[in-house]
Amino acid sequence: MNFRQRIHQSRFLAWLLAAIAGAYLDLCFYTTRWTYKGVDQLKSDLADGPVLLLVWHGRSLFGPYHWPVKHGPVSTLYEASPIGRVSGALQRRRKMQPIEMSSDMSNLAASRVILRRVREGVSIGMTGDGPLGPNQILKDPPLEWARVMKRPVYTYGFATKRHKILGSWDKMMLPLPFTRGAAVYQRVEGEFVHKQDEGSRTRISDAMDSAMGEADRLVL
């Protein structure tokens, strides 16, 4: 059995790796001087109910750290893969409520789980480009959930001045400690009709790019 298979079968190993990764991210987070933008508007909307939060996969590492959990719970989606298990364990470590999307779970079953969380007042967070990409190409599920939830849609992006860009498909930004950072939330205005609506797709993609770009600008 290889290492990836062991992670897939062992929740303890996934938890252990998440603890190690979390310790490093803790160091980075607490030694970074953060600038926040858009958080007050997000908190205001959370006072009225859940929201849909979207982020590009490559800028998702600090999402669990920046979410204002005291103002509303959030459930994030993760794949039942080795890296997904570690991601889910890391999110639970930050008091989030992740949902594992197993390969044998039907779309209908997954939708029921998500809708139940929304009815309970839990926000939903997901990556716009999914777990496998292509990088920064918006997939259909965020558009469909924006239509179904009928709640405010927010995009999120973070940046740190000192970082490494990994050679992964998503060009993941890996923060380094003792630096300046920015976290940006941006509300996507307008209504969402259906996933084939290219206007909605463009508005959400542009907002995701804008949040990421603004975070980059704030740390220059």
N, C-alpha and C. Protein backbone atom coordinates (compact mmCIF):
# COMPACT_ATOMS: atom_id res chain seq x y z
N MET A 1 0.85 -1.20 0.00
CA MET A 1 0.00 0.00 0.00
C MET A 1 0.88 1.24 0.00
N ASN A 2 0.65 2.15 -0.99
CA ASN A 2 1.47 3.35 -1.04
C ASN A 2 0.93 4.42 -0.08
N PHE A 3 1.67 5.53 0.01
CA PHE A 3 1.35 6.55 1.00
C PHE A 3 -0.01 7.19 0.74
N ARG A 4 -0.33 7.47 -0.53
CA ARG A 4 -1.62 8.07 -0.87
C ARG A 4 -2.78 7.16 -0.46
N GLN A 5 -2.61 5.85 -0.67
CA GLN A 5 -3.65 4.91 -0.27
C GLN A 5 -3.83 4.89 1.24
N ARG A 6 -2.72 5.00 1.97
CA ARG A 6 -2.81 5.03 3.43
C ARG A 6 -3.57 6.25 3.91
N ILE A 7 -3.32 7.40 3.28
CA ILE A 7 -4.05 8.61 3.65
C ILE A 7 -5.54 8.42 3.38
N HIS A 8 -5.83 7.81 2.22
CA HIS A 8 -7.23 7.63 1.81
C HIS A 8 -7.98 6.74 2.80
N GLN A 9 -7.29 5.76 3.38
CA GLN A 9 -7.95 4.80 4.26
C GLN A 9 -7.87 5.17 5.74
N SER A 10 -6.98 6.08 6.09
CA SER A 10 -6.78 6.40 7.49
C SER A 10 -7.14 7.85 7.80
N ARG A 11 -8.22 8.05 8.52
CA ARG A 11 -8.58 9.40 8.94
C ARG A 11 -7.56 9.96 9.93
N PHE A 12 -6.96 9.07 10.73
CA PHE A 12 -5.94 9.53 11.67
C PHE A 12 -4.74 10.10 10.94
N LEU A 13 -4.28 9.42 9.87
CA LEU A 13 -3.14 9.91 9.12
C LEU A 13 -3.47 11.25 8.45
N ALA A 14 -4.68 11.36 7.92
CA ALA A 14 -5.11 12.63 7.34
C ALA A 14 -5.10 13.73 8.40
N TRP A 15 -5.60 13.39 9.61
CA TRP A 15 -5.59 14.36 10.71
C TRP A 15 -4.17 14.76 11.08
N LEU A 16 -3.26 13.78 11.12
CA LEU A 16 -1.87 14.06 11.49
C LEU A 16 -1.21 14.99 10.48
N LEU A 17 -1.41 14.72 9.20
CA LEU A 17 -0.83 15.59 8.16
C LEU A 17 -1.46 16.98 8.22
N ALA A 18 -2.76 17.03 8.51
CA ALA A 18 -3.42 18.33 8.64
C ALA A 18 -2.86 19.10 9.83
N ALA A 19 -2.54 18.40 10.92
CA ALA A 19 -1.96 19.05 12.09
C ALA A 19 -0.60 19.64 11.77
N ILE A 20 0.20 18.91 11.00
CA ILE A 20 1.52 19.41 10.60
C ILE A 20 1.38 20.62 9.69
N ALA A 21 0.51 20.48 8.67
CA ALA A 21 0.28 21.61 7.75
C ALA A 21 -0.31 22.79 8.50
N GLY A 22 -1.24 22.49 9.44
CA GLY A 22 -1.87 23.55 10.20
C GLY A 22 -0.88 24.29 11.09
N ALA A 23 0.07 23.58 11.65
CA ALA A 23 1.08 24.23 12.49
C ALA A 23 1.89 25.22 11.66
N TYR A 24 2.22 24.83 10.43
CA TYR A 24 2.97 25.75 9.56
C TYR A 24 2.11 26.95 9.17
N LEU A 25 0.85 26.71 8.80
CA LEU A 25 -0.03 27.81 8.42
C LEU A 25 -0.30 28.72 9.61
N ASP A 26 -0.40 28.14 10.82
CA ASP A 26 -0.54 28.96 12.03
C ASP A 26 0.64 29.93 12.15
N LEU A 27 1.84 29.39 11.96
CA LEU A 27 3.04 30.23 12.04
C LEU A 27 2.96 31.37 11.03
N CYS A 28 2.58 31.03 9.80
CA CYS A 28 2.48 32.06 8.77
C CYS A 28 1.40 33.08 9.10
N PHE A 29 0.24 32.58 9.52
CA PHE A 29 -0.89 33.47 9.77
C PHE A 29 -0.59 34.46 10.90
N TYR A 30 -0.06 33.95 12.00
CA TYR A 30 0.13 34.79 13.19
C TYR A 30 1.39 35.65 13.13
N THR A 31 2.24 35.44 12.15
CA THR A 31 3.41 36.32 11.98
C THR A 31 3.24 37.25 10.78
N THR A 32 2.03 37.27 10.21
CA THR A 32 1.74 38.14 9.07
C THR A 32 0.90 39.32 9.52
N ARG A 33 1.20 40.51 9.01
CA ARG A 33 0.41 41.72 9.27
C ARG A 33 -0.68 41.80 8.20
N TRP A 34 -1.91 41.53 8.61
CA TRP A 34 -3.00 41.37 7.65
C TRP A 34 -3.77 42.67 7.42
N THR A 35 -4.14 42.88 6.16
CA THR A 35 -5.08 43.92 5.77
C THR A 35 -6.33 43.22 5.25
N TYR A 36 -7.51 43.67 5.72
CA TYR A 36 -8.77 43.05 5.33
C TYR A 36 -9.61 44.04 4.53
N LYS A 37 -10.32 43.50 3.56
CA LYS A 37 -11.22 44.35 2.77
C LYS A 37 -12.50 43.56 2.47
N GLY A 38 -13.64 44.20 2.67
CA GLY A 38 -14.93 43.57 2.37
C GLY A 38 -15.50 42.74 3.50
N VAL A 39 -14.82 42.65 4.63
CA VAL A 39 -15.29 41.79 5.72
C VAL A 39 -16.54 42.35 6.38
N ASP A 40 -16.62 43.66 6.52
CA ASP A 40 -17.79 44.26 7.19
C ASP A 40 -19.07 43.98 6.40
N GLN A 41 -19.01 44.10 5.09
CA GLN A 41 -20.19 43.81 4.27
C GLN A 41 -20.57 42.33 4.38
N LEU A 42 -19.56 41.45 4.39
CA LEU A 42 -19.83 40.03 4.56
C LEU A 42 -20.51 39.76 5.89
N LYS A 43 -20.01 40.34 6.96
CA LYS A 43 -20.62 40.13 8.28
C LYS A 43 -22.06 40.62 8.31
N SER A 44 -22.31 41.73 7.63
CA SER A 44 -23.67 42.26 7.57
C SER A 44 -24.62 41.29 6.89
N ASP A 45 -24.18 40.70 5.78
CA ASP A 45 -25.02 39.72 5.08
C ASP A 45 -25.19 38.44 5.89
N LEU A 46 -24.15 38.04 6.61
CA LEU A 46 -24.24 36.83 7.43
C LEU A 46 -25.25 36.99 8.56
N ALA A 47 -25.45 38.22 9.01
CA ALA A 47 -26.44 38.46 10.05
C ALA A 47 -27.85 38.15 9.56
N ASP A 48 -28.03 38.13 8.23
CA ASP A 48 -29.34 37.87 7.63
C ASP A 48 -29.47 36.44 7.13
N GLY A 49 -28.37 35.68 7.15
CA GLY A 49 -28.44 34.29 6.68
C GLY A 49 -27.16 33.88 5.98
N PRO A 50 -27.15 32.65 5.46
CA PRO A 50 -25.92 32.13 4.84
C PRO A 50 -25.62 32.77 3.49
N VAL A 51 -24.38 32.60 3.05
CA VAL A 51 -23.95 33.09 1.75
C VAL A 51 -23.23 31.95 1.02
N LEU A 52 -22.99 32.16 -0.26
CA LEU A 52 -22.16 31.25 -1.05
C LEU A 52 -20.80 31.92 -1.24
N LEU A 53 -19.74 31.21 -0.83
CA LEU A 53 -18.38 31.75 -0.92
C LEU A 53 -17.59 30.98 -1.96
N LEU A 54 -16.96 31.70 -2.89
CA LEU A 54 -16.21 31.08 -3.97
C LEU A 54 -14.77 31.56 -3.97
N VAL A 55 -13.84 30.65 -4.24
CA VAL A 55 -12.42 30.98 -4.26
C VAL A 55 -11.75 30.14 -5.32
N TRP A 56 -10.75 30.69 -5.98
CA TRP A 56 -9.92 29.88 -6.87
C TRP A 56 -9.10 28.91 -6.02
N HIS A 57 -8.92 27.71 -6.52
CA HIS A 57 -8.25 26.66 -5.76
C HIS A 57 -6.85 27.09 -5.30
N GLY A 58 -6.14 27.79 -6.14
CA GLY A 58 -4.77 28.19 -5.83
C GLY A 58 -4.65 29.23 -4.74
N ARG A 59 -5.78 29.86 -4.35
CA ARG A 59 -5.76 30.86 -3.28
C ARG A 59 -6.66 30.45 -2.12
N SER A 60 -6.77 29.16 -1.87
CA SER A 60 -7.71 28.67 -0.86
C SER A 60 -7.07 28.35 0.49
N LEU A 61 -5.74 28.34 0.58
CA LEU A 61 -5.08 27.86 1.80
C LEU A 61 -5.51 28.60 3.06
N PHE A 62 -5.64 29.92 2.97
CA PHE A 62 -5.95 30.70 4.17
C PHE A 62 -7.44 30.98 4.34
N GLY A 63 -8.27 30.40 3.47
CA GLY A 63 -9.71 30.59 3.60
C GLY A 63 -10.25 30.25 4.98
N PRO A 64 -9.85 29.09 5.57
CA PRO A 64 -10.35 28.75 6.91
C PRO A 64 -9.89 29.72 8.00
N TYR A 65 -8.81 30.43 7.76
CA TYR A 65 -8.29 31.37 8.76
C TYR A 65 -9.01 32.71 8.70
N HIS A 66 -9.42 33.12 7.52
CA HIS A 66 -10.00 34.46 7.36
C HIS A 66 -11.52 34.50 7.51
N TRP A 67 -12.17 33.35 7.40
CA TRP A 67 -13.63 33.35 7.52
C TRP A 67 -14.05 33.80 8.91
N PRO A 68 -15.00 34.75 9.02
CA PRO A 68 -15.45 35.24 10.33
C PRO A 68 -16.41 34.26 10.99
N VAL A 69 -15.87 33.17 11.53
CA VAL A 69 -16.69 32.06 12.01
C VAL A 69 -17.63 32.47 13.13
N LYS A 70 -17.29 33.49 13.90
CA LYS A 70 -18.17 33.94 14.98
C LYS A 70 -19.46 34.56 14.44
N HIS A 71 -19.44 34.94 13.17
CA HIS A 71 -20.62 35.59 12.57
C HIS A 71 -21.46 34.62 11.75
N GLY A 72 -21.02 33.38 11.63
CA GLY A 72 -21.81 32.40 10.89
C GLY A 72 -20.98 31.20 10.49
N PRO A 73 -21.53 29.99 10.66
CA PRO A 73 -20.79 28.78 10.29
C PRO A 73 -20.70 28.63 8.77
N VAL A 74 -19.76 27.84 8.33
CA VAL A 74 -19.60 27.60 6.89
C VAL A 74 -19.23 26.13 6.68
N SER A 75 -19.80 25.53 5.65
CA SER A 75 -19.44 24.18 5.23
C SER A 75 -18.73 24.27 3.88
N THR A 76 -17.58 23.66 3.81
CA THR A 76 -16.83 23.63 2.56
C THR A 76 -16.85 22.21 2.00
N LEU A 77 -16.73 22.10 0.69
CA LEU A 77 -16.80 20.82 0.02
C LEU A 77 -15.40 20.32 -0.28
N TYR A 78 -15.18 19.02 -0.07
CA TYR A 78 -13.88 18.47 -0.44
C TYR A 78 -14.06 17.06 -0.98
N GLU A 79 -13.16 16.68 -1.89
CA GLU A 79 -13.22 15.37 -2.52
C GLU A 79 -12.69 14.30 -1.58
N ALA A 80 -13.21 13.07 -1.74
CA ALA A 80 -12.74 11.93 -0.93
C ALA A 80 -11.47 11.36 -1.54
N SER A 81 -10.46 12.20 -1.67
CA SER A 81 -9.16 11.82 -2.20
C SER A 81 -8.15 12.02 -1.08
N PRO A 82 -6.91 11.54 -1.24
CA PRO A 82 -5.92 11.74 -0.17
C PRO A 82 -5.74 13.20 0.20
N ILE A 83 -5.52 14.07 -0.78
CA ILE A 83 -5.33 15.48 -0.46
C ILE A 83 -6.62 16.10 0.05
N GLY A 84 -7.77 15.58 -0.46
CA GLY A 84 -9.06 16.07 0.01
C GLY A 84 -9.29 15.75 1.48
N ARG A 85 -8.89 14.54 1.90
CA ARG A 85 -9.03 14.15 3.30
C ARG A 85 -8.20 15.06 4.20
N VAL A 86 -6.99 15.38 3.76
CA VAL A 86 -6.14 16.27 4.55
C VAL A 86 -6.78 17.66 4.62
N SER A 87 -7.31 18.13 3.47
CA SER A 87 -7.96 19.43 3.44
C SER A 87 -9.16 19.47 4.38
N GLY A 88 -9.97 18.41 4.38
CA GLY A 88 -11.12 18.36 5.26
C GLY A 88 -10.72 18.38 6.73
N ALA A 89 -9.66 17.64 7.07
CA ALA A 89 -9.18 17.62 8.45
C ALA A 89 -8.65 18.99 8.86
N LEU A 90 -7.99 19.68 7.95
CA LEU A 90 -7.48 21.02 8.23
C LEU A 90 -8.62 22.00 8.46
N GLN A 91 -9.69 21.86 7.68
CA GLN A 91 -10.85 22.74 7.86
C GLN A 91 -11.54 22.49 9.19
N ARG A 92 -11.67 21.22 9.57
CA ARG A 92 -12.28 20.92 10.87
C ARG A 92 -11.43 21.50 12.01
N ARG A 93 -10.13 21.51 11.80
CA ARG A 93 -9.23 22.08 12.81
C ARG A 93 -9.52 23.55 13.04
N ARG A 94 -10.05 24.24 12.02
CA ARG A 94 -10.37 25.66 12.13
C ARG A 94 -11.85 25.90 12.42
N LYS A 95 -12.53 24.88 12.97
CA LYS A 95 -13.93 24.99 13.41
C LYS A 95 -14.90 25.15 12.25
N MET A 96 -14.52 24.66 11.08
CA MET A 96 -15.43 24.68 9.94
C MET A 96 -16.18 23.35 9.89
N GLN A 97 -17.15 23.25 8.97
CA GLN A 97 -17.99 22.06 8.88
C GLN A 97 -17.90 21.47 7.46
N PRO A 98 -16.77 20.87 7.11
CA PRO A 98 -16.58 20.39 5.73
C PRO A 98 -17.49 19.22 5.38
N ILE A 99 -17.82 19.12 4.10
CA ILE A 99 -18.65 18.04 3.57
C ILE A 99 -17.81 17.22 2.60
N GLU A 100 -17.67 15.93 2.88
CA GLU A 100 -16.92 15.06 1.98
C GLU A 100 -17.82 14.61 0.84
N MET A 101 -17.38 14.88 -0.40
CA MET A 101 -18.13 14.50 -1.59
C MET A 101 -17.54 13.19 -2.13
N SER A 102 -18.05 12.06 -1.65
CA SER A 102 -17.50 10.77 -2.04
C SER A 102 -17.87 10.45 -3.48
N SER A 103 -17.05 9.60 -4.11
CA SER A 103 -17.25 9.27 -5.52
C SER A 103 -18.54 8.51 -5.77
N ASP A 104 -19.05 7.80 -4.74
CA ASP A 104 -20.29 7.04 -4.91
C ASP A 104 -21.53 7.82 -4.49
N MET A 105 -21.35 9.10 -4.14
CA MET A 105 -22.49 9.94 -3.77
C MET A 105 -23.09 10.56 -5.03
N SER A 106 -24.37 10.37 -5.25
CA SER A 106 -25.02 10.93 -6.42
C SER A 106 -25.15 12.45 -6.29
N ASN A 107 -25.36 13.11 -7.42
CA ASN A 107 -25.55 14.56 -7.39
C ASN A 107 -26.76 14.93 -6.54
N LEU A 108 -27.80 14.10 -6.61
CA LEU A 108 -29.00 14.37 -5.83
C LEU A 108 -28.72 14.26 -4.34
N ALA A 109 -27.99 13.23 -3.95
CA ALA A 109 -27.65 13.05 -2.52
C ALA A 109 -26.79 14.20 -2.03
N ALA A 110 -25.81 14.59 -2.84
CA ALA A 110 -24.94 15.70 -2.45
C ALA A 110 -25.75 16.99 -2.31
N SER A 111 -26.69 17.19 -3.23
CA SER A 111 -27.51 18.40 -3.18
C SER A 111 -28.37 18.43 -1.92
N ARG A 112 -28.87 17.29 -1.51
CA ARG A 112 -29.69 17.23 -0.30
C ARG A 112 -28.87 17.61 0.93
N VAL A 113 -27.63 17.12 0.99
CA VAL A 113 -26.76 17.44 2.13
C VAL A 113 -26.50 18.94 2.18
N ILE A 114 -26.17 19.52 1.02
CA ILE A 114 -25.86 20.95 0.96
C ILE A 114 -27.08 21.78 1.30
N LEU A 115 -28.25 21.43 0.73
CA LEU A 115 -29.46 22.20 1.01
C LEU A 115 -29.84 22.13 2.48
N ARG A 116 -29.63 20.98 3.11
CA ARG A 116 -29.93 20.87 4.53
C ARG A 116 -29.06 21.83 5.34
N ARG A 117 -27.78 21.92 4.98
CA ARG A 117 -26.89 22.85 5.67
C ARG A 117 -27.36 24.30 5.47
N VAL A 118 -27.75 24.63 4.24
CA VAL A 118 -28.19 26.00 3.96
C VAL A 118 -29.43 26.34 4.77
N ARG A 119 -30.38 25.40 4.84
CA ARG A 119 -31.60 25.64 5.63
C ARG A 119 -31.30 25.81 7.11
N GLU A 120 -30.20 25.21 7.55
CA GLU A 120 -29.78 25.36 8.95
C GLU A 120 -29.02 26.66 9.19
N GLY A 121 -28.86 27.46 8.13
CA GLY A 121 -28.18 28.74 8.27
C GLY A 121 -26.68 28.67 8.07
N VAL A 122 -26.20 27.59 7.45
CA VAL A 122 -24.78 27.40 7.23
C VAL A 122 -24.39 27.86 5.82
N SER A 123 -23.40 28.72 5.73
CA SER A 123 -22.89 29.15 4.43
C SER A 123 -22.16 28.00 3.74
N ILE A 124 -22.04 28.10 2.43
CA ILE A 124 -21.38 27.07 1.63
C ILE A 124 -20.18 27.69 0.93
N GLY A 125 -19.02 27.04 1.08
CA GLY A 125 -17.82 27.50 0.39
C GLY A 125 -17.32 26.45 -0.58
N MET A 126 -16.89 26.87 -1.75
CA MET A 126 -16.37 25.92 -2.74
C MET A 126 -15.37 26.61 -3.65
N THR A 127 -14.51 25.81 -4.25
CA THR A 127 -13.55 26.34 -5.22
C THR A 127 -14.23 26.47 -6.57
N GLY A 128 -14.01 27.59 -7.22
CA GLY A 128 -14.66 27.84 -8.50
C GLY A 128 -14.16 26.94 -9.61
N ASP A 129 -12.89 26.54 -9.53
CA ASP A 129 -12.30 25.70 -10.57
C ASP A 129 -12.20 24.24 -10.15
N GLY A 130 -12.90 23.88 -9.07
CA GLY A 130 -12.98 22.48 -8.65
C GLY A 130 -11.69 21.94 -8.08
N PRO A 131 -11.66 20.63 -7.84
CA PRO A 131 -10.46 20.02 -7.24
C PRO A 131 -9.37 19.69 -8.25
N LEU A 132 -9.71 19.75 -9.55
CA LEU A 132 -8.74 19.29 -10.56
C LEU A 132 -8.52 20.28 -11.70
N GLY A 133 -9.22 21.40 -11.70
CA GLY A 133 -9.01 22.40 -12.73
C GLY A 133 -9.86 22.19 -13.96
N PRO A 134 -9.52 22.89 -15.05
CA PRO A 134 -8.35 23.74 -15.28
C PRO A 134 -8.31 24.97 -14.38
N ASN A 135 -7.11 25.50 -14.23
CA ASN A 135 -6.88 26.61 -13.33
C ASN A 135 -7.68 27.85 -13.71
N GLN A 136 -8.42 28.37 -12.73
CA GLN A 136 -9.16 29.62 -12.84
C GLN A 136 -10.14 29.63 -14.02
N ILE A 137 -10.72 28.46 -14.29
CA ILE A 137 -11.83 28.35 -15.24
C ILE A 137 -13.05 27.93 -14.43
N LEU A 138 -14.05 28.80 -14.38
CA LEU A 138 -15.21 28.58 -13.53
C LEU A 138 -16.03 27.39 -14.02
N LYS A 139 -16.31 26.45 -13.12
CA LYS A 139 -17.12 25.29 -13.45
C LYS A 139 -18.60 25.58 -13.19
N ASP A 140 -19.45 24.61 -13.55
CA ASP A 140 -20.89 24.82 -13.46
C ASP A 140 -21.47 24.82 -12.04
N PRO A 141 -20.99 23.95 -11.11
CA PRO A 141 -21.64 23.90 -9.78
C PRO A 141 -21.77 25.24 -9.06
N PRO A 142 -20.74 26.11 -9.06
CA PRO A 142 -20.93 27.40 -8.39
C PRO A 142 -22.07 28.22 -8.99
N LEU A 143 -22.23 28.16 -10.30
CA LEU A 143 -23.32 28.89 -10.95
C LEU A 143 -24.67 28.31 -10.54
N GLU A 144 -24.74 26.98 -10.50
CA GLU A 144 -26.01 26.34 -10.14
C GLU A 144 -26.37 26.63 -8.69
N TRP A 145 -25.38 26.62 -7.79
CA TRP A 145 -25.68 26.87 -6.39
C TRP A 145 -26.00 28.34 -6.14
N ALA A 146 -25.41 29.22 -6.92
CA ALA A 146 -25.77 30.64 -6.82
C ALA A 146 -27.25 30.82 -7.16
N ARG A 147 -27.73 30.07 -8.16
CA ARG A 147 -29.14 30.15 -8.55
C ARG A 147 -30.04 29.51 -7.49
N VAL A 148 -29.66 28.34 -6.99
CA VAL A 148 -30.52 27.59 -6.06
C VAL A 148 -30.61 28.27 -4.70
N MET A 149 -29.48 28.74 -4.18
CA MET A 149 -29.46 29.30 -2.82
C MET A 149 -30.20 30.62 -2.73
N LYS A 150 -30.14 31.42 -3.81
CA LYS A 150 -30.78 32.74 -3.79
C LYS A 150 -30.32 33.57 -2.59
N ARG A 151 -29.05 33.50 -2.32
CA ARG A 151 -28.41 34.23 -1.24
C ARG A 151 -27.21 34.98 -1.82
N PRO A 152 -26.67 35.97 -1.09
CA PRO A 152 -25.52 36.70 -1.61
C PRO A 152 -24.36 35.78 -1.96
N VAL A 153 -23.67 36.10 -3.05
CA VAL A 153 -22.50 35.36 -3.49
C VAL A 153 -21.27 36.22 -3.24
N TYR A 154 -20.28 35.64 -2.56
CA TYR A 154 -19.03 36.35 -2.28
C TYR A 154 -17.86 35.59 -2.89
N THR A 155 -16.88 36.37 -3.35
CA THR A 155 -15.62 35.77 -3.77
C THR A 155 -14.55 36.19 -2.76
N TYR A 156 -13.51 35.36 -2.68
CA TYR A 156 -12.46 35.57 -1.69
C TYR A 156 -11.10 35.36 -2.34
N GLY A 157 -10.15 36.16 -1.91
CA GLY A 157 -8.78 35.96 -2.36
C GLY A 157 -7.82 36.45 -1.28
N PHE A 158 -6.69 35.78 -1.16
CA PHE A 158 -5.66 36.26 -0.23
C PHE A 158 -4.34 36.34 -0.98
N ALA A 159 -3.42 37.11 -0.42
CA ALA A 159 -2.06 37.18 -0.94
C ALA A 159 -1.12 37.54 0.19
N THR A 160 0.10 37.09 0.09
CA THR A 160 1.15 37.51 1.02
C THR A 160 2.34 38.00 0.19
N LYS A 161 3.03 38.98 0.72
CA LYS A 161 4.15 39.53 -0.02
C LYS A 161 5.25 38.48 -0.21
N ARG A 162 5.54 37.72 0.85
CA ARG A 162 6.52 36.64 0.74
C ARG A 162 5.78 35.32 0.57
N HIS A 163 6.07 34.62 -0.52
CA HIS A 163 5.37 33.37 -0.80
C HIS A 163 6.13 32.59 -1.86
N LYS A 164 5.69 31.37 -2.06
CA LYS A 164 6.17 30.54 -3.16
C LYS A 164 4.96 30.14 -4.01
N ILE A 165 5.14 30.11 -5.32
CA ILE A 165 4.10 29.59 -6.21
C ILE A 165 4.50 28.17 -6.59
N LEU A 166 3.67 27.21 -6.20
CA LEU A 166 3.98 25.81 -6.44
C LEU A 166 3.77 25.45 -7.91
N GLY A 167 4.38 24.38 -8.31
CA GLY A 167 4.26 23.92 -9.69
C GLY A 167 3.06 23.02 -9.93
N SER A 168 2.04 23.15 -9.10
CA SER A 168 0.83 22.35 -9.23
C SER A 168 -0.08 22.94 -10.31
N TRP A 169 -1.13 22.19 -10.68
CA TRP A 169 -2.02 22.64 -11.75
C TRP A 169 -2.67 23.98 -11.41
N ASP A 170 -2.88 24.24 -10.10
CA ASP A 170 -3.57 25.46 -9.67
C ASP A 170 -2.63 26.62 -9.35
N LYS A 171 -1.32 26.38 -9.52
CA LYS A 171 -0.33 27.42 -9.17
C LYS A 171 -0.58 27.92 -7.74
N MET A 172 -0.67 26.97 -6.82
CA MET A 172 -0.98 27.26 -5.43
C MET A 172 0.01 28.26 -4.82
N MET A 173 -0.54 29.29 -4.17
CA MET A 173 0.29 30.24 -3.44
C MET A 173 0.55 29.69 -2.05
N LEU A 174 1.81 29.40 -1.75
CA LEU A 174 2.21 28.91 -0.43
C LEU A 174 2.81 30.08 0.34
N PRO A 175 2.16 30.53 1.40
CA PRO A 175 2.67 31.68 2.14
C PRO A 175 3.94 31.35 2.90
N LEU A 176 4.72 32.38 3.15
CA LEU A 176 5.91 32.29 4.00
C LEU A 176 5.67 33.17 5.22
N PRO A 177 6.30 32.87 6.34
CA PRO A 177 6.05 33.64 7.57
C PRO A 177 6.74 35.01 7.56
N PHE A 178 6.34 35.85 8.53
CA PHE A 178 6.97 37.15 8.78
C PHE A 178 6.90 38.05 7.55
N THR A 179 5.67 38.40 7.18
CA THR A 179 5.47 39.21 5.99
C THR A 179 4.19 40.02 6.13
N ARG A 180 3.76 40.65 5.04
CA ARG A 180 2.49 41.37 4.98
C ARG A 180 1.52 40.55 4.14
N GLY A 181 0.23 40.62 4.50
CA GLY A 181 -0.78 39.86 3.77
C GLY A 181 -2.07 40.63 3.64
N ALA A 182 -2.93 40.15 2.73
CA ALA A 182 -4.23 40.78 2.53
C ALA A 182 -5.27 39.70 2.27
N ALA A 183 -6.46 39.92 2.81
CA ALA A 183 -7.61 39.05 2.56
C ALA A 183 -8.75 39.92 2.05
N VAL A 184 -9.31 39.55 0.92
CA VAL A 184 -10.33 40.37 0.27
C VAL A 184 -11.59 39.55 0.02
N TYR A 185 -12.72 40.08 0.45
CA TYR A 185 -14.03 39.51 0.12
C TYR A 185 -14.75 40.50 -0.79
N GLN A 186 -15.37 39.99 -1.82
CA GLN A 186 -16.07 40.85 -2.76
C GLN A 186 -17.44 40.25 -3.09
N ARG A 187 -18.47 41.03 -2.89
CA ARG A 187 -19.83 40.56 -3.20
C ARG A 187 -20.09 40.66 -4.70
N VAL A 188 -20.70 39.63 -5.26
CA VAL A 188 -21.06 39.61 -6.69
C VAL A 188 -22.49 40.11 -6.80
N GLU A 189 -22.67 41.23 -7.48
CA GLU A 189 -23.99 41.83 -7.59
C GLU A 189 -24.79 41.18 -8.72
N GLY A 190 -26.12 41.29 -8.62
CA GLY A 190 -26.98 40.78 -9.67
C GLY A 190 -27.60 39.44 -9.31
N GLU A 191 -28.57 39.01 -10.12
CA GLU A 191 -29.25 37.74 -9.92
C GLU A 191 -28.62 36.66 -10.80
N PHE A 192 -28.85 35.41 -10.41
CA PHE A 192 -28.29 34.28 -11.14
C PHE A 192 -29.44 33.38 -11.58
N VAL A 193 -29.54 33.19 -12.89
CA VAL A 193 -30.70 32.52 -13.46
C VAL A 193 -30.44 31.04 -13.67
N HIS A 194 -29.45 30.68 -14.43
CA HIS A 194 -29.12 29.27 -14.67
C HIS A 194 -27.66 29.19 -15.09
N LYS A 195 -27.11 27.97 -15.05
CA LYS A 195 -25.68 27.79 -15.26
C LYS A 195 -25.24 28.08 -16.69
N GLN A 196 -26.20 28.10 -17.64
CA GLN A 196 -25.84 28.43 -19.01
C GLN A 196 -25.80 29.94 -19.26
N ASP A 197 -26.14 30.70 -18.23
CA ASP A 197 -26.15 32.16 -18.35
C ASP A 197 -24.72 32.68 -18.35
N GLU A 198 -24.21 33.03 -19.53
CA GLU A 198 -22.81 33.45 -19.64
C GLU A 198 -22.56 34.78 -18.94
N GLY A 199 -23.62 35.58 -18.79
CA GLY A 199 -23.45 36.83 -18.05
C GLY A 199 -23.11 36.56 -16.59
N SER A 200 -23.81 35.58 -15.98
CA SER A 200 -23.52 35.21 -14.60
C SER A 200 -22.13 34.61 -14.48
N ARG A 201 -21.77 33.77 -15.43
CA ARG A 201 -20.44 33.15 -15.41
C ARG A 201 -19.35 34.22 -15.47
N THR A 202 -19.54 35.19 -16.33
CA THR A 202 -18.55 36.26 -16.48
C THR A 202 -18.47 37.11 -15.22
N ARG A 203 -19.63 37.45 -14.63
CA ARG A 203 -19.63 38.29 -13.43
C ARG A 203 -18.91 37.61 -12.27
N ILE A 204 -19.18 36.30 -12.10
CA ILE A 204 -18.54 35.59 -11.00
C ILE A 204 -17.05 35.43 -11.25
N SER A 205 -16.68 35.03 -12.46
CA SER A 205 -15.24 34.88 -12.78
C SER A 205 -14.49 36.18 -12.60
N ASP A 206 -15.09 37.26 -13.09
CA ASP A 206 -14.44 38.57 -12.96
C ASP A 206 -14.29 38.96 -11.49
N ALA A 207 -15.31 38.66 -10.68
CA ALA A 207 -15.24 39.00 -9.26
C ALA A 207 -14.18 38.17 -8.55
N MET A 208 -14.03 36.92 -8.93
CA MET A 208 -13.00 36.08 -8.33
C MET A 208 -11.61 36.59 -8.70
N ASP A 209 -11.44 36.95 -9.96
CA ASP A 209 -10.17 37.54 -10.40
C ASP A 209 -9.91 38.86 -9.69
N SER A 210 -10.98 39.65 -9.51
CA SER A 210 -10.84 40.96 -8.88
C SER A 210 -10.42 40.83 -7.42
N ALA A 211 -11.03 39.88 -6.67
CA ALA A 211 -10.66 39.69 -5.27
C ALA A 211 -9.20 39.25 -5.15
N MET A 212 -8.80 38.35 -6.02
CA MET A 212 -7.42 37.88 -6.01
C MET A 212 -6.46 39.01 -6.39
N GLY A 213 -6.82 39.77 -7.43
CA GLY A 213 -5.97 40.86 -7.88
C GLY A 213 -5.86 41.97 -6.86
N GLU A 214 -6.96 42.27 -6.16
CA GLU A 214 -6.92 43.30 -5.13
C GLU A 214 -6.04 42.87 -3.96
N ALA A 215 -6.11 41.60 -3.59
CA ALA A 215 -5.24 41.10 -2.54
C ALA A 215 -3.76 41.23 -2.95
N ASP A 216 -3.48 40.90 -4.20
CA ASP A 216 -2.11 41.07 -4.71
C ASP A 216 -1.66 42.53 -4.62
N ARG A 217 -2.57 43.43 -5.02
CA ARG A 217 -2.23 44.86 -5.03
C ARG A 217 -1.95 45.37 -3.62
N LEU A 218 -2.73 44.90 -2.65
CA LEU A 218 -2.59 45.41 -1.28
C LEU A 218 -1.28 45.02 -0.61
N VAL A 219 -0.59 44.00 -1.12
CA VAL A 219 0.66 43.59 -0.48
C VAL A 219 1.89 44.08 -1.25
N LEU A 220 1.68 44.87 -2.29
CA LEU A 220 2.83 45.38 -3.05
C LEU A 220 3.66 46.33 -2.19
